[in-house]
PDB file of all heavy atoms in Angstrom:
ATOM      1  N   ARG A   1     -44.996 101.716   0.950  1.00  0.00           N
ATOM      2  CA  ARG A   1     -44.871 101.721  -0.520  1.00  0.00           C
ATOM      3  C   ARG A   1     -43.584 102.217  -1.121  1.00  0.00           C
ATOM      4  O   ARG A   1     -43.356 102.165  -2.243  1.00  0.00           O
ATOM      5  CB  ARG A   1     -46.010 102.611  -1.079  1.00  0.00           C
ATOM      6  CG  ARG A   1     -47.436 102.208  -0.740  1.00  0.00           C
ATOM      7  CD  ARG A   1     -48.498 103.201  -1.249  1.00  0.00           C
ATOM      8  NE  ARG A   1     -48.166 104.531  -0.834  1.00  0.00           N
ATOM      9  CZ  ARG A   1     -48.186 105.624  -1.602  1.00  0.00           C
ATOM     10  NH1 ARG A   1     -48.564 105.569  -2.812  1.00  0.00           N
ATOM     11  NH2 ARG A   1     -47.872 106.788  -1.078  1.00  0.00           N
ATOM     12  N   ALA A   2     -42.731 102.742  -0.170  1.00  0.00           N
ATOM     13  CA  ALA A   2     -41.530 103.442  -0.614  1.00  0.00           C
ATOM     14  C   ALA A   2     -40.607 102.612  -1.420  1.00  0.00           C
ATOM     15  O   ALA A   2     -40.377 101.379  -1.080  1.00  0.00           O
ATOM     16  CB  ALA A   2     -40.799 104.113   0.548  1.00  0.00           C
ATOM     17  N   ASP A   3     -39.991 103.166  -2.479  1.00  0.00           N
ATOM     18  CA  ASP A   3     -38.920 102.530  -3.229  1.00  0.00           C
ATOM     19  C   ASP A   3     -37.456 102.830  -2.606  1.00  0.00           C
ATOM     20  O   ASP A   3     -36.576 102.077  -2.860  1.00  0.00           O
ATOM     21  CB  ASP A   3     -38.885 103.069  -4.640  1.00  0.00           C
ATOM     22  CG  ASP A   3     -40.218 102.657  -5.340  1.00  0.00           C
ATOM     23  OD1 ASP A   3     -40.486 101.469  -5.482  1.00  0.00           O
ATOM     24  OD2 ASP A   3     -40.986 103.689  -5.717  1.00  0.00           O
ATOM     25  N   PHE A   4     -37.477 103.901  -1.827  1.00  0.00           N
ATOM     26  CA  PHE A   4     -36.199 104.230  -1.159  1.00  0.00           C
ATOM     27  C   PHE A   4     -36.568 105.108   0.091  1.00  0.00           C
ATOM     28  O   PHE A   4     -37.654 105.697   0.210  1.00  0.00           O
ATOM     29  CB  PHE A   4     -35.270 105.091  -2.012  1.00  0.00           C
ATOM     30  CG  PHE A   4     -35.775 106.432  -2.440  1.00  0.00           C
ATOM     31  CD1 PHE A   4     -35.519 107.541  -1.695  1.00  0.00           C
ATOM     32  CD2 PHE A   4     -36.489 106.545  -3.634  1.00  0.00           C
ATOM     33  CE1 PHE A   4     -35.964 108.840  -2.062  1.00  0.00           C
ATOM     34  CE2 PHE A   4     -37.036 107.868  -4.005  1.00  0.00           C
ATOM     35  CZ  PHE A   4     -36.758 108.970  -3.143  1.00  0.00           C
ATOM     36  N   VAL A   5     -35.689 105.028   1.104  1.00  0.00           N
ATOM     37  CA  VAL A   5     -35.872 105.797   2.303  1.00  0.00           C
ATOM     38  C   VAL A   5     -34.568 106.618   2.585  1.00  0.00           C
ATOM     39  O   VAL A   5     -33.515 106.090   2.642  1.00  0.00           O
ATOM     40  CB  VAL A   5     -36.096 104.897   3.478  1.00  0.00           C
ATOM     41  CG1 VAL A   5     -36.303 105.763   4.843  1.00  0.00           C
ATOM     42  CG2 VAL A   5     -37.319 103.962   3.303  1.00  0.00           C
ATOM     43  N   THR A   6     -34.771 107.931   2.575  1.00  0.00           N
ATOM     44  CA  THR A   6     -33.722 108.818   2.981  1.00  0.00           C
ATOM     45  C   THR A   6     -33.576 108.662   4.475  1.00  0.00           C
ATOM     46  O   THR A   6     -34.400 109.160   5.261  1.00  0.00           O
ATOM     47  CB  THR A   6     -34.042 110.291   2.616  1.00  0.00           C
ATOM     48  OG1 THR A   6     -34.171 110.355   1.152  1.00  0.00           O
ATOM     49  CG2 THR A   6     -32.883 111.224   2.982  1.00  0.00           C
ATOM     50  N   THR A   7     -32.521 108.009   4.937  1.00  0.00           N
ATOM     51  CA  THR A   7     -32.481 107.464   6.225  1.00  0.00           C
ATOM     52  C   THR A   7     -31.388 108.268   7.083  1.00  0.00           C
ATOM     53  O   THR A   7     -30.224 108.401   6.693  1.00  0.00           O
ATOM     54  CB  THR A   7     -32.129 106.033   6.356  1.00  0.00           C
ATOM     55  OG1 THR A   7     -33.030 105.345   5.502  1.00  0.00           O
ATOM     56  CG2 THR A   7     -32.149 105.471   7.714  1.00  0.00           C
ATOM     57  N   ALA A   8     -31.802 108.744   8.277  1.00  0.00           N
ATOM     58  CA  ALA A   8     -30.885 109.402   9.193  1.00  0.00           C
ATOM     59  C   ALA A   8     -30.174 108.375  10.061  1.00  0.00           C
ATOM     60  O   ALA A   8     -30.877 107.540  10.645  1.00  0.00           O
ATOM     61  CB  ALA A   8     -31.634 110.362  10.083  1.00  0.00           C
ATOM     62  N   VAL A   9     -28.936 108.382  10.026  1.00  0.00           N
ATOM     63  CA  VAL A   9     -28.127 107.380  10.802  1.00  0.00           C
ATOM     64  C   VAL A   9     -27.007 107.961  11.595  1.00  0.00           C
ATOM     65  O   VAL A   9     -26.601 109.138  11.283  1.00  0.00           O
ATOM     66  CB  VAL A   9     -27.467 106.368   9.749  1.00  0.00           C
ATOM     67  CG1 VAL A   9     -28.588 105.599   8.980  1.00  0.00           C
ATOM     68  CG2 VAL A   9     -26.607 107.126   8.772  1.00  0.00           C
ATOM     69  N   ARG A  10     -26.506 107.207  12.527  1.00  0.00           N
ATOM     70  CA  ARG A  10     -25.374 107.717  13.297  1.00  0.00           C
ATOM     71  C   ARG A  10     -24.136 107.103  12.733  1.00  0.00           C
ATOM     72  O   ARG A  10     -23.917 106.013  12.665  1.00  0.00           O
ATOM     73  CB  ARG A  10     -25.515 107.287  14.792  1.00  0.00           C
ATOM     74  CG  ARG A  10     -24.350 107.901  15.618  1.00  0.00           C
ATOM     75  CD  ARG A  10     -24.759 107.969  17.130  1.00  0.00           C
ATOM     76  NE  ARG A  10     -25.977 108.659  17.416  1.00  0.00           N
ATOM     77  CZ  ARG A  10     -25.927 110.046  17.376  1.00  0.00           C
ATOM     78  NH1 ARG A  10     -24.934 110.735  17.179  1.00  0.00           N
ATOM     79  NH2 ARG A  10     -27.119 110.625  17.656  1.00  0.00           N
ATOM     80  N   THR A  11     -23.237 108.004  12.249  1.00  0.00           N
ATOM     81  CA  THR A  11     -22.017 107.580  11.738  1.00  0.00           C
ATOM     82  C   THR A  11     -20.809 108.188  12.576  1.00  0.00           C
ATOM     83  O   THR A  11     -19.654 107.825  12.338  1.00  0.00           O
ATOM     84  CB  THR A  11     -21.750 108.167  10.253  1.00  0.00           C
ATOM     85  OG1 THR A  11     -22.074 109.606  10.311  1.00  0.00           O
ATOM     86  CG2 THR A  11     -22.660 107.511   9.289  1.00  0.00           C
ATOM     87  N   GLY A  12     -21.078 108.861  13.583  1.00  0.00           N
ATOM     88  CA  GLY A  12     -20.028 109.516  14.334  1.00  0.00           C
ATOM     89  C   GLY A  12     -20.333 109.525  15.869  1.00  0.00           C
ATOM     90  O   GLY A  12     -21.125 108.664  16.406  1.00  0.00           O
ATOM     91  N   GLU A  13     -19.892 110.558  16.523  1.00  0.00           N
ATOM     92  CA  GLU A  13     -20.094 110.709  17.979  1.00  0.00           C
ATOM     93  C   GLU A  13     -21.591 110.914  18.375  1.00  0.00           C
ATOM     94  O   GLU A  13     -22.422 111.146  17.505  1.00  0.00           O
ATOM     95  CB  GLU A  13     -19.269 111.920  18.469  1.00  0.00           C
ATOM     96  CG  GLU A  13     -19.774 113.213  17.805  1.00  0.00           C
ATOM     97  CD  GLU A  13     -18.927 114.407  18.224  1.00  0.00           C
ATOM     98  OE1 GLU A  13     -17.695 114.422  17.765  1.00  0.00           O
ATOM     99  OE2 GLU A  13     -19.377 115.257  18.950  1.00  0.00           O
ATOM    100  N   ALA A  14     -21.832 110.819  19.706  1.00  0.00           N
ATOM    101  CA  ALA A  14     -23.185 111.049  20.141  1.00  0.00           C
ATOM    102  C   ALA A  14     -23.606 112.572  19.928  1.00  0.00           C
ATOM    103  O   ALA A  14     -22.790 113.404  19.910  1.00  0.00           O
ATOM    104  CB  ALA A  14     -23.238 110.678  21.659  1.00  0.00           C
ATOM    105  N   GLY A  15     -24.917 112.683  19.830  1.00  0.00           N
ATOM    106  CA  GLY A  15     -25.373 114.018  19.646  1.00  0.00           C
ATOM    107  C   GLY A  15     -25.530 114.388  18.194  1.00  0.00           C
ATOM    108  O   GLY A  15     -25.385 113.676  17.276  1.00  0.00           O
ATOM    109  N   ALA A  16     -25.820 115.715  17.927  1.00  0.00           N
ATOM    110  CA  ALA A  16     -26.164 116.159  16.575  1.00  0.00           C
ATOM    111  C   ALA A  16     -24.997 116.109  15.649  1.00  0.00           C
ATOM    112  O   ALA A  16     -25.175 116.029  14.466  1.00  0.00           O
ATOM    113  CB  ALA A  16     -26.657 117.621  16.699  1.00  0.00           C
ATOM    114  N   HIS A  17     -23.771 116.131  16.199  1.00  0.00           N
ATOM    115  CA  HIS A  17     -22.573 116.192  15.271  1.00  0.00           C
ATOM    116  C   HIS A  17     -22.227 114.872  14.547  1.00  0.00           C
ATOM    117  O   HIS A  17     -21.337 114.857  13.740  1.00  0.00           O
ATOM    118  CB  HIS A  17     -21.369 116.755  15.994  1.00  0.00           C
ATOM    119  CG  HIS A  17     -21.583 118.087  16.494  1.00  0.00           C
ATOM    120  ND1 HIS A  17     -21.736 119.265  15.807  1.00  0.00           N
ATOM    121  CD2 HIS A  17     -21.767 118.608  17.853  1.00  0.00           C
ATOM    122  CE1 HIS A  17     -21.917 120.296  16.584  1.00  0.00           C
ATOM    123  NE2 HIS A  17     -21.946 119.928  17.862  1.00  0.00           N
ATOM    124  N   GLY A  18     -22.995 113.765  15.038  1.00  0.00           N
ATOM    125  CA  GLY A  18     -22.504 112.520  14.491  1.00  0.00           C
ATOM    126  C   GLY A  18     -23.508 111.915  13.527  1.00  0.00           C
ATOM    127  O   GLY A  18     -23.482 110.665  13.350  1.00  0.00           O
ATOM    128  N   LEU A  19     -24.378 112.624  12.955  1.00  0.00           N
ATOM    129  CA  LEU A  19     -25.479 112.087  12.095  1.00  0.00           C
ATOM    130  C   LEU A  19     -25.174 112.297  10.620  1.00  0.00           C
ATOM    131  O   LEU A  19     -24.641 113.329  10.204  1.00  0.00           O
ATOM    132  CB  LEU A  19     -26.825 112.724  12.452  1.00  0.00           C
ATOM    133  CG  LEU A  19     -27.315 112.699  13.905  1.00  0.00           C
ATOM    134  CD1 LEU A  19     -28.618 113.210  14.118  1.00  0.00           C
ATOM    135  CD2 LEU A  19     -27.273 111.226  14.388  1.00  0.00           C
ATOM    136  N   SER A  20     -25.730 111.375   9.830  1.00  0.00           N
ATOM    137  CA  SER A  20     -25.557 111.444   8.357  1.00  0.00           C
ATOM    138  C   SER A  20     -26.843 111.037   7.744  1.00  0.00           C
ATOM    139  O   SER A  20     -27.734 110.383   8.411  1.00  0.00           O
ATOM    140  CB  SER A  20     -24.450 110.541   7.826  1.00  0.00           C
ATOM    141  OG  SER A  20     -23.177 110.917   8.350  1.00  0.00           O
ATOM    142  N   LEU A  21     -27.028 111.348   6.453  1.00  0.00           N
ATOM    143  CA  LEU A  21     -28.175 110.946   5.657  1.00  0.00           C
ATOM    144  C   LEU A  21     -27.707 109.937   4.559  1.00  0.00           C
ATOM    145  O   LEU A  21     -26.756 110.255   3.860  1.00  0.00           O
ATOM    146  CB  LEU A  21     -28.954 112.163   5.076  1.00  0.00           C
ATOM    147  CG  LEU A  21     -29.691 112.977   6.077  1.00  0.00           C
ATOM    148  CD1 LEU A  21     -30.195 114.227   5.284  1.00  0.00           C
ATOM    149  CD2 LEU A  21     -30.854 112.224   6.625  1.00  0.00           C
ATOM    150  N   ILE A  22     -28.292 108.831   4.467  1.00  0.00           N
ATOM    151  CA  ILE A  22     -27.945 107.734   3.485  1.00  0.00           C
ATOM    152  C   ILE A  22     -29.285 107.309   2.814  1.00  0.00           C
ATOM    153  O   ILE A  22     -30.288 107.081   3.453  1.00  0.00           O
ATOM    154  CB  ILE A  22     -27.218 106.574   4.063  1.00  0.00           C
ATOM    155  CG1 ILE A  22     -25.902 107.080   4.725  1.00  0.00           C
ATOM    156  CG2 ILE A  22     -26.986 105.540   3.084  1.00  0.00           C
ATOM    157  CD1 ILE A  22     -25.198 105.969   5.459  1.00  0.00           C
ATOM    158  N   VAL A  23     -29.267 107.288   1.403  1.00  0.00           N
ATOM    159  CA  VAL A  23     -30.405 106.794   0.686  1.00  0.00           C
ATOM    160  C   VAL A  23     -30.388 105.258   0.626  1.00  0.00           C
ATOM    161  O   VAL A  23     -29.362 104.619   0.205  1.00  0.00           O
ATOM    162  CB  VAL A  23     -30.404 107.341  -0.835  1.00  0.00           C
ATOM    163  CG1 VAL A  23     -31.649 106.889  -1.489  1.00  0.00           C
ATOM    164  CG2 VAL A  23     -30.272 108.780  -0.747  1.00  0.00           C
ATOM    165  N   VAL A  24     -31.467 104.623   1.225  1.00  0.00           N
ATOM    166  CA  VAL A  24     -31.537 103.209   1.279  1.00  0.00           C
ATOM    167  C   VAL A  24     -32.562 102.643   0.341  1.00  0.00           C
ATOM    168  O   VAL A  24     -33.786 102.915   0.610  1.00  0.00           O
ATOM    169  CB  VAL A  24     -31.805 102.743   2.710  1.00  0.00           C
ATOM    170  CG1 VAL A  24     -31.888 101.182   2.780  1.00  0.00           C
ATOM    171  CG2 VAL A  24     -30.696 103.211   3.686  1.00  0.00           C
ATOM    172  N   PRO A  25     -32.296 101.891  -0.690  1.00  0.00           N
ATOM    173  CA  PRO A  25     -33.288 101.359  -1.509  1.00  0.00           C
ATOM    174  C   PRO A  25     -34.001 100.205  -0.757  1.00  0.00           C
ATOM    175  O   PRO A  25     -33.361  99.512  -0.006  1.00  0.00           O
ATOM    176  CB  PRO A  25     -32.470 100.669  -2.708  1.00  0.00           C
ATOM    177  CG  PRO A  25     -31.170 101.375  -2.700  1.00  0.00           C
ATOM    178  CD  PRO A  25     -30.891 101.726  -1.245  1.00  0.00           C
ATOM    179  N   THR A  26     -35.303 100.220  -0.855  1.00  0.00           N
ATOM    180  CA  THR A  26     -36.109  99.277  -0.025  1.00  0.00           C
ATOM    181  C   THR A  26     -36.050  97.856  -0.447  1.00  0.00           C
ATOM    182  O   THR A  26     -36.466  96.944   0.282  1.00  0.00           O
ATOM    183  CB  THR A  26     -37.556  99.656   0.026  1.00  0.00           C
ATOM    184  OG1 THR A  26     -38.133  99.793  -1.255  1.00  0.00           O
ATOM    185  CG2 THR A  26     -37.749 101.013   0.691  1.00  0.00           C
ATOM    186  N   ASP A  27     -35.389  97.548  -1.522  1.00  0.00           N
ATOM    187  CA  ASP A  27     -35.154  96.053  -1.973  1.00  0.00           C
ATOM    188  C   ASP A  27     -33.808  95.633  -1.512  1.00  0.00           C
ATOM    189  O   ASP A  27     -33.371  94.507  -1.901  1.00  0.00           O
ATOM    190  CB  ASP A  27     -35.316  95.990  -3.472  1.00  0.00           C
ATOM    191  CG  ASP A  27     -34.357  96.809  -4.311  1.00  0.00           C
ATOM    192  OD1 ASP A  27     -33.548  97.587  -3.672  1.00  0.00           O
ATOM    193  OD2 ASP A  27     -34.380  96.724  -5.580  1.00  0.00           O
ATOM    194  N   THR A  28     -33.083  96.408  -0.673  1.00  0.00           N
ATOM    195  CA  THR A  28     -31.836  96.003  -0.143  1.00  0.00           C
ATOM    196  C   THR A  28     -32.002  94.900   0.839  1.00  0.00           C
ATOM    197  O   THR A  28     -32.823  94.986   1.787  1.00  0.00           O
ATOM    198  CB  THR A  28     -31.084  97.142   0.535  1.00  0.00           C
ATOM    199  OG1 THR A  28     -31.075  98.232  -0.370  1.00  0.00           O
ATOM    200  CG2 THR A  28     -29.642  96.797   0.942  1.00  0.00           C
ATOM    201  N   PRO A  29     -31.268  93.780   0.746  1.00  0.00           N
ATOM    202  CA  PRO A  29     -31.312  92.642   1.709  1.00  0.00           C
ATOM    203  C   PRO A  29     -31.114  93.289   3.141  1.00  0.00           C
ATOM    204  O   PRO A  29     -30.287  94.054   3.460  1.00  0.00           O
ATOM    205  CB  PRO A  29     -30.311  91.747   1.392  1.00  0.00           C
ATOM    206  CG  PRO A  29     -30.046  91.956  -0.131  1.00  0.00           C
ATOM    207  CD  PRO A  29     -30.275  93.455  -0.308  1.00  0.00           C
ATOM    208  N   GLY A  30     -32.005  92.787   4.064  1.00  0.00           N
ATOM    209  CA  GLY A  30     -31.826  93.223   5.506  1.00  0.00           C
ATOM    210  C   GLY A  30     -32.787  94.321   5.802  1.00  0.00           C
ATOM    211  O   GLY A  30     -33.063  94.687   6.978  1.00  0.00           O
ATOM    212  N   PHE A  31     -33.383  95.074   4.741  1.00  0.00           N
ATOM    213  CA  PHE A  31     -34.346  96.048   5.013  1.00  0.00           C
ATOM    214  C   PHE A  31     -35.724  95.417   4.966  1.00  0.00           C
ATOM    215  O   PHE A  31     -36.058  94.685   4.110  1.00  0.00           O
ATOM    216  CB  PHE A  31     -34.287  97.171   3.911  1.00  0.00           C
ATOM    217  CG  PHE A  31     -35.306  98.244   4.093  1.00  0.00           C
ATOM    218  CD1 PHE A  31     -35.126  99.322   4.837  1.00  0.00           C
ATOM    219  CD2 PHE A  31     -36.607  97.973   3.475  1.00  0.00           C
ATOM    220  CE1 PHE A  31     -36.083 100.348   4.885  1.00  0.00           C
ATOM    221  CE2 PHE A  31     -37.538  98.983   3.585  1.00  0.00           C
ATOM    222  CZ  PHE A  31     -37.319 100.126   4.326  1.00  0.00           C
TER     223      PHE A  31
END
């Protein structure tokens, strides 16, 4: 039912130091 998903993604190196959080609206193409 979500209108958005606060999504954990990898934007950098492997491991904990390369993660970011991005808000993804669920009506975005490809989701």
